[in-house]
PDB file of all heavy atoms in Angstrom:
ATOM      1  N   VAL A   1      10.966 180.499  28.757  1.00  0.00           N
ATOM      2  CA  VAL A   1       9.845 180.182  29.638  1.00  0.00           C
ATOM      3  C   VAL A   1      10.160 178.901  30.417  1.00  0.00           C
ATOM      4  O   VAL A   1       9.884 178.815  31.623  1.00  0.00           O
ATOM      5  CB  VAL A   1       8.537 180.056  28.848  1.00  0.00           C
ATOM      6  CG1 VAL A   1       7.383 179.599  29.744  1.00  0.00           C
ATOM      7  CG2 VAL A   1       8.200 181.388  28.176  1.00  0.00           C
ATOM      8  N   ALA A   2      10.758 177.932  29.749  1.00  0.00           N
ATOM      9  CA  ALA A   2      11.147 176.685  30.427  1.00  0.00           C
ATOM     10  C   ALA A   2      12.112 176.964  31.574  1.00  0.00           C
ATOM     11  O   ALA A   2      11.982 176.378  32.655  1.00  0.00           O
ATOM     12  CB  ALA A   2      11.763 175.701  29.425  1.00  0.00           C
ATOM     13  N   ARG A   3      13.046 177.886  31.354  1.00  0.00           N
ATOM     14  CA  ARG A   3      13.965 178.257  32.446  1.00  0.00           C
ATOM     15  C   ARG A   3      13.197 178.898  33.595  1.00  0.00           C
ATOM     16  O   ARG A   3      13.472 178.642  34.764  1.00  0.00           O
ATOM     17  CB  ARG A   3      15.065 179.191  31.937  1.00  0.00           C
ATOM     18  CG  ARG A   3      16.122 178.501  31.093  1.00  0.00           C
ATOM     19  CD  ARG A   3      17.330 179.392  30.818  1.00  0.00           C
ATOM     20  NE  ARG A   3      16.989 180.624  30.118  1.00  0.00           N
ATOM     21  CZ  ARG A   3      16.823 180.742  28.795  1.00  0.00           C
ATOM     22  NH1 ARG A   3      16.987 179.675  28.026  1.00  0.00           N
ATOM     23  NH2 ARG A   3      16.530 181.907  28.234  1.00  0.00           N
ATOM     24  N   GLY A   4      12.227 179.712  33.260  1.00  0.00           N
ATOM     25  CA  GLY A   4      11.385 180.330  34.290  1.00  0.00           C
ATOM     26  C   GLY A   4      10.589 179.299  35.070  1.00  0.00           C
ATOM     27  O   GLY A   4      10.485 179.391  36.298  1.00  0.00           O
ATOM     28  N   LEU A   5      10.035 178.317  34.386  1.00  0.00           N
ATOM     29  CA  LEU A   5       9.266 177.266  35.052  1.00  0.00           C
ATOM     30  C   LEU A   5      10.170 176.449  35.975  1.00  0.00           C
ATOM     31  O   LEU A   5       9.755 176.065  37.077  1.00  0.00           O
ATOM     32  CB  LEU A   5       8.572 176.372  34.025  1.00  0.00           C
ATOM     33  CG  LEU A   5       7.476 177.047  33.199  1.00  0.00           C
ATOM     34  CD1 LEU A   5       6.949 176.094  32.117  1.00  0.00           C
ATOM     35  CD2 LEU A   5       6.337 177.555  34.085  1.00  0.00           C
ATOM     36  N   THR A   6      11.394 176.221  35.543  1.00  0.00           N
ATOM     37  CA  THR A   6      12.363 175.517  36.401  1.00  0.00           C
ATOM     38  C   THR A   6      12.636 176.329  37.659  1.00  0.00           C
ATOM     39  O   THR A   6      12.718 175.781  38.759  1.00  0.00           O
ATOM     40  CB  THR A   6      13.670 175.235  35.620  1.00  0.00           C
ATOM     41  OG1 THR A   6      13.361 174.384  34.508  1.00  0.00           O
ATOM     42  CG2 THR A   6      14.715 174.574  36.495  1.00  0.00           C
ATOM     43  N   ALA A   7      12.759 177.635  37.518  1.00  0.00           N
ATOM     44  CA  ALA A   7      12.989 178.507  38.678  1.00  0.00           C
ATOM     45  C   ALA A   7      11.781 178.516  39.610  1.00  0.00           C
ATOM     46  O   ALA A   7      11.943 178.528  40.844  1.00  0.00           O
ATOM     47  CB  ALA A   7      13.308 179.934  38.218  1.00  0.00           C
ATOM     48  N   VAL A   8      10.573 178.510  39.066  1.00  0.00           N
ATOM     49  CA  VAL A   8       9.361 178.461  39.880  1.00  0.00           C
ATOM     50  C   VAL A   8       9.357 177.171  40.710  1.00  0.00           C
ATOM     51  O   VAL A   8       9.078 177.188  41.909  1.00  0.00           O
ATOM     52  CB  VAL A   8       8.102 178.579  39.004  1.00  0.00           C
ATOM     53  CG1 VAL A   8       6.836 178.297  39.800  1.00  0.00           C
ATOM     54  CG2 VAL A   8       8.014 179.965  38.366  1.00  0.00           C
ATOM     55  N   ALA A   9       9.697 176.061  40.068  1.00  0.00           N
ATOM     56  CA  ALA A   9       9.750 174.777  40.774  1.00  0.00           C
ATOM     57  C   ALA A   9      10.820 174.795  41.859  1.00  0.00           C
ATOM     58  O   ALA A   9      10.582 174.341  42.983  1.00  0.00           O
ATOM     59  CB  ALA A   9      10.013 173.639  39.782  1.00  0.00           C
ATOM     60  N   ALA A  10      11.991 175.340  41.545  1.00  0.00           N
ATOM     61  CA  ALA A  10      13.092 175.388  42.515  1.00  0.00           C
ATOM     62  C   ALA A  10      12.725 176.216  43.739  1.00  0.00           C
ATOM     63  O   ALA A  10      13.194 175.963  44.852  1.00  0.00           O
ATOM     64  CB  ALA A  10      14.349 175.939  41.856  1.00  0.00           C
ATOM     65  N   ALA A  11      11.873 177.217  43.538  1.00  0.00           N
ATOM     66  CA  ALA A  11      11.432 178.059  44.645  1.00  0.00           C
ATOM     67  C   ALA A  11      10.307 177.399  45.459  1.00  0.00           C
ATOM     68  O   ALA A  11       9.862 177.963  46.464  1.00  0.00           O
ATOM     69  CB  ALA A  11      10.966 179.415  44.121  1.00  0.00           C
ATOM     70  N   GLY A  12       9.841 176.237  45.010  1.00  0.00           N
ATOM     71  CA  GLY A  12       8.781 175.535  45.726  1.00  0.00           C
ATOM     72  C   GLY A  12       7.411 176.129  45.511  1.00  0.00           C
ATOM     73  O   GLY A  12       6.499 175.931  46.319  1.00  0.00           O
ATOM     74  N   LEU A  13       7.255 176.851  44.406  1.00  0.00           N
ATOM     75  CA  LEU A  13       5.976 177.491  44.107  1.00  0.00           C
ATOM     76  C   LEU A  13       5.162 176.656  43.125  1.00  0.00           C
ATOM     77  O   LEU A  13       5.646 175.678  42.572  1.00  0.00           O
ATOM     78  CB  LEU A  13       6.229 178.892  43.541  1.00  0.00           C
ATOM     79  CG  LEU A  13       6.982 179.848  44.462  1.00  0.00           C
ATOM     80  CD1 LEU A  13       7.330 181.126  43.744  1.00  0.00           C
ATOM     81  CD2 LEU A  13       6.163 180.127  45.719  1.00  0.00           C
ATOM     82  N   VAL A  14       3.941 177.078  42.908  1.00  0.00           N
ATOM     83  CA  VAL A  14       3.004 176.434  41.993  1.00  0.00           C
ATOM     84  C   VAL A  14       2.809 177.378  40.815  1.00  0.00           C
ATOM     85  O   VAL A  14       2.828 178.595  40.984  1.00  0.00           O
ATOM     86  CB  VAL A  14       1.663 176.183  42.723  1.00  0.00           C
ATOM     87  CG1 VAL A  14       0.601 175.662  41.780  1.00  0.00           C
ATOM     88  CG2 VAL A  14       1.877 175.225  43.884  1.00  0.00           C
ATOM     89  N   TYR A  15       2.598 176.820  39.616  1.00  0.00           N
ATOM     90  CA  TYR A  15       2.370 177.647  38.432  1.00  0.00           C
ATOM     91  C   TYR A  15       0.938 177.477  37.966  1.00  0.00           C
ATOM     92  O   TYR A  15       0.515 176.394  37.587  1.00  0.00           O
ATOM     93  CB  TYR A  15       3.337 177.286  37.310  1.00  0.00           C
ATOM     94  CG  TYR A  15       3.292 178.281  36.182  1.00  0.00           C
ATOM     95  CD1 TYR A  15       3.964 179.490  36.279  1.00  0.00           C
ATOM     96  CD2 TYR A  15       2.560 178.033  35.029  1.00  0.00           C
ATOM     97  CE1 TYR A  15       3.906 180.424  35.251  1.00  0.00           C
ATOM     98  CE2 TYR A  15       2.500 178.956  34.000  1.00  0.00           C
ATOM     99  CZ  TYR A  15       3.168 180.154  34.129  1.00  0.00           C
ATOM    100  OH  TYR A  15       3.108 181.082  33.124  1.00  0.00           O
ATOM    101  N   ASP A  16       0.190 178.571  37.994  1.00  0.00           N
ATOM    102  CA  ASP A  16      -1.185 178.569  37.515  1.00  0.00           C
ATOM    103  C   ASP A  16      -1.210 178.870  36.013  1.00  0.00           C
ATOM    104  O   ASP A  16      -0.560 179.802  35.559  1.00  0.00           O
ATOM    105  CB  ASP A  16      -2.009 179.629  38.242  1.00  0.00           C
ATOM    106  CG  ASP A  16      -2.521 179.149  39.584  1.00  0.00           C
ATOM    107  OD1 ASP A  16      -1.817 178.371  40.251  1.00  0.00           O
ATOM    108  OD2 ASP A  16      -3.630 179.569  39.967  1.00  0.00           O
ATOM    109  N   LEU A  17      -1.980 178.082  35.292  1.00  0.00           N
ATOM    110  CA  LEU A  17      -2.111 178.214  33.850  1.00  0.00           C
ATOM    111  C   LEU A  17      -3.389 178.975  33.506  1.00  0.00           C
ATOM    112  O   LEU A  17      -4.490 178.474  33.752  1.00  0.00           O
ATOM    113  CB  LEU A  17      -2.161 176.826  33.198  1.00  0.00           C
ATOM    114  CG  LEU A  17      -0.906 175.972  33.336  1.00  0.00           C
ATOM    115  CD1 LEU A  17      -1.227 174.506  33.065  1.00  0.00           C
ATOM    116  CD2 LEU A  17       0.172 176.484  32.419  1.00  0.00           C
ATOM    117  N   VAL A  18      -3.245 180.173  32.973  1.00  0.00           N
ATOM    118  CA  VAL A  18      -4.386 180.956  32.497  1.00  0.00           C
ATOM    119  C   VAL A  18      -4.313 180.889  30.972  1.00  0.00           C
ATOM    120  O   VAL A  18      -3.591 181.663  30.345  1.00  0.00           O
ATOM    121  CB  VAL A  18      -4.336 182.409  33.006  1.00  0.00           C
ATOM    122  CG1 VAL A  18      -5.581 183.173  32.549  1.00  0.00           C
ATOM    123  CG2 VAL A  18      -4.207 182.440  34.514  1.00  0.00           C
ATOM    124  N   VAL A  19      -5.042 179.943  30.417  1.00  0.00           N
ATOM    125  CA  VAL A  19      -4.907 179.619  28.998  1.00  0.00           C
ATOM    126  C   VAL A  19      -6.274 179.448  28.344  1.00  0.00           C
ATOM    127  O   VAL A  19      -7.294 179.353  29.019  1.00  0.00           O
ATOM    128  CB  VAL A  19      -4.078 178.335  28.798  1.00  0.00           C
ATOM    129  CG1 VAL A  19      -2.668 178.499  29.355  1.00  0.00           C
ATOM    130  CG2 VAL A  19      -4.756 177.127  29.427  1.00  0.00           C
ATOM    131  N   LEU A  20      -6.230 179.344  27.037  1.00  0.00           N
ATOM    132  CA  LEU A  20      -7.410 179.059  26.229  1.00  0.00           C
ATOM    133  C   LEU A  20      -7.325 177.619  25.726  1.00  0.00           C
ATOM    134  O   LEU A  20      -6.226 177.025  25.725  1.00  0.00           O
ATOM    135  CB  LEU A  20      -7.482 180.044  25.059  1.00  0.00           C
ATOM    136  CG  LEU A  20      -7.631 181.518  25.472  1.00  0.00           C
ATOM    137  CD1 LEU A  20      -7.451 182.429  24.262  1.00  0.00           C
ATOM    138  CD2 LEU A  20      -8.951 181.751  26.156  1.00  0.00           C
ATOM    139  N   PRO A  21      -8.421 177.033  25.289  1.00  0.00           N
ATOM    140  CA  PRO A  21      -8.397 175.625  24.871  1.00  0.00           C
ATOM    141  C   PRO A  21      -7.317 175.272  23.855  1.00  0.00           C
ATOM    142  O   PRO A  21      -6.706 174.204  23.945  1.00  0.00           O
ATOM    143  CB  PRO A  21      -9.800 175.411  24.299  1.00  0.00           C
ATOM    144  CG  PRO A  21     -10.659 176.350  25.073  1.00  0.00           C
ATOM    145  CD  PRO A  21      -9.798 177.583  25.244  1.00  0.00           C
ATOM    146  N   HIS A  22      -7.047 176.159  22.893  1.00  0.00           N
ATOM    147  CA  HIS A  22      -6.047 175.822  21.875  1.00  0.00           C
ATOM    148  C   HIS A  22      -4.630 175.795  22.446  1.00  0.00           C
ATOM    149  O   HIS A  22      -3.706 175.299  21.805  1.00  0.00           O
ATOM    150  CB  HIS A  22      -6.136 176.774  20.683  1.00  0.00           C
ATOM    151  CG  HIS A  22      -5.591 178.145  20.947  1.00  0.00           C
ATOM    152  ND1 HIS A  22      -6.323 179.125  21.584  1.00  0.00           N
ATOM    153  CD2 HIS A  22      -4.375 178.697  20.682  1.00  0.00           C
ATOM    154  CE1 HIS A  22      -5.595 180.221  21.685  1.00  0.00           C
ATOM    155  NE2 HIS A  22      -4.404 179.987  21.152  1.00  0.00           N
ATOM    156  N   GLN A  23      -4.431 176.271  23.672  1.00  0.00           N
ATOM    157  CA  GLN A  23      -3.122 176.253  24.310  1.00  0.00           C
ATOM    158  C   GLN A  23      -2.931 175.041  25.222  1.00  0.00           C
ATOM    159  O   GLN A  23      -1.841 174.828  25.746  1.00  0.00           O
ATOM    160  CB  GLN A  23      -2.930 177.546  25.110  1.00  0.00           C
ATOM    161  CG  GLN A  23      -2.905 178.788  24.220  1.00  0.00           C
ATOM    162  CD  GLN A  23      -3.041 180.083  24.990  1.00  0.00           C
ATOM    163  OE1 GLN A  23      -3.833 180.183  25.918  1.00  0.00           O
ATOM    164  NE2 GLN A  23      -2.247 181.075  24.612  1.00  0.00           N
ATOM    165  N   LEU A  24      -3.974 174.243  25.411  1.00  0.00           N
ATOM    166  CA  LEU A  24      -3.869 173.072  26.306  1.00  0.00           C
ATOM    167  C   LEU A  24      -2.809 172.064  25.875  1.00  0.00           C
ATOM    168  O   LEU A  24      -2.122 171.515  26.733  1.00  0.00           O
ATOM    169  CB  LEU A  24      -5.241 172.409  26.463  1.00  0.00           C
ATOM    170  CG  LEU A  24      -6.243 173.184  27.323  1.00  0.00           C
ATOM    171  CD1 LEU A  24      -7.627 172.548  27.253  1.00  0.00           C
ATOM    172  CD2 LEU A  24      -5.765 173.300  28.756  1.00  0.00           C
ATOM    173  N   PRO A  25      -2.634 171.779  24.575  1.00  0.00           N
ATOM    174  CA  PRO A  25      -1.557 170.841  24.216  1.00  0.00           C
ATOM    175  C   PRO A  25      -0.178 171.304  24.694  1.00  0.00           C
ATOM    176  O   PRO A  25       0.621 170.498  25.195  1.00  0.00           O
ATOM    177  CB  PRO A  25      -1.635 170.766  22.694  1.00  0.00           C
ATOM    178  CG  PRO A  25      -3.083 171.051  22.404  1.00  0.00           C
ATOM    179  CD  PRO A  25      -3.460 172.120  23.411  1.00  0.00           C
TER     180      PRO A  25
END
């Protein structure tokens, strides 16, 4: 997932977080 997030950043995109409270940390 970290590699994917790096690729999202390299593409100049934004990552939306669809999470629940226990996933916030």
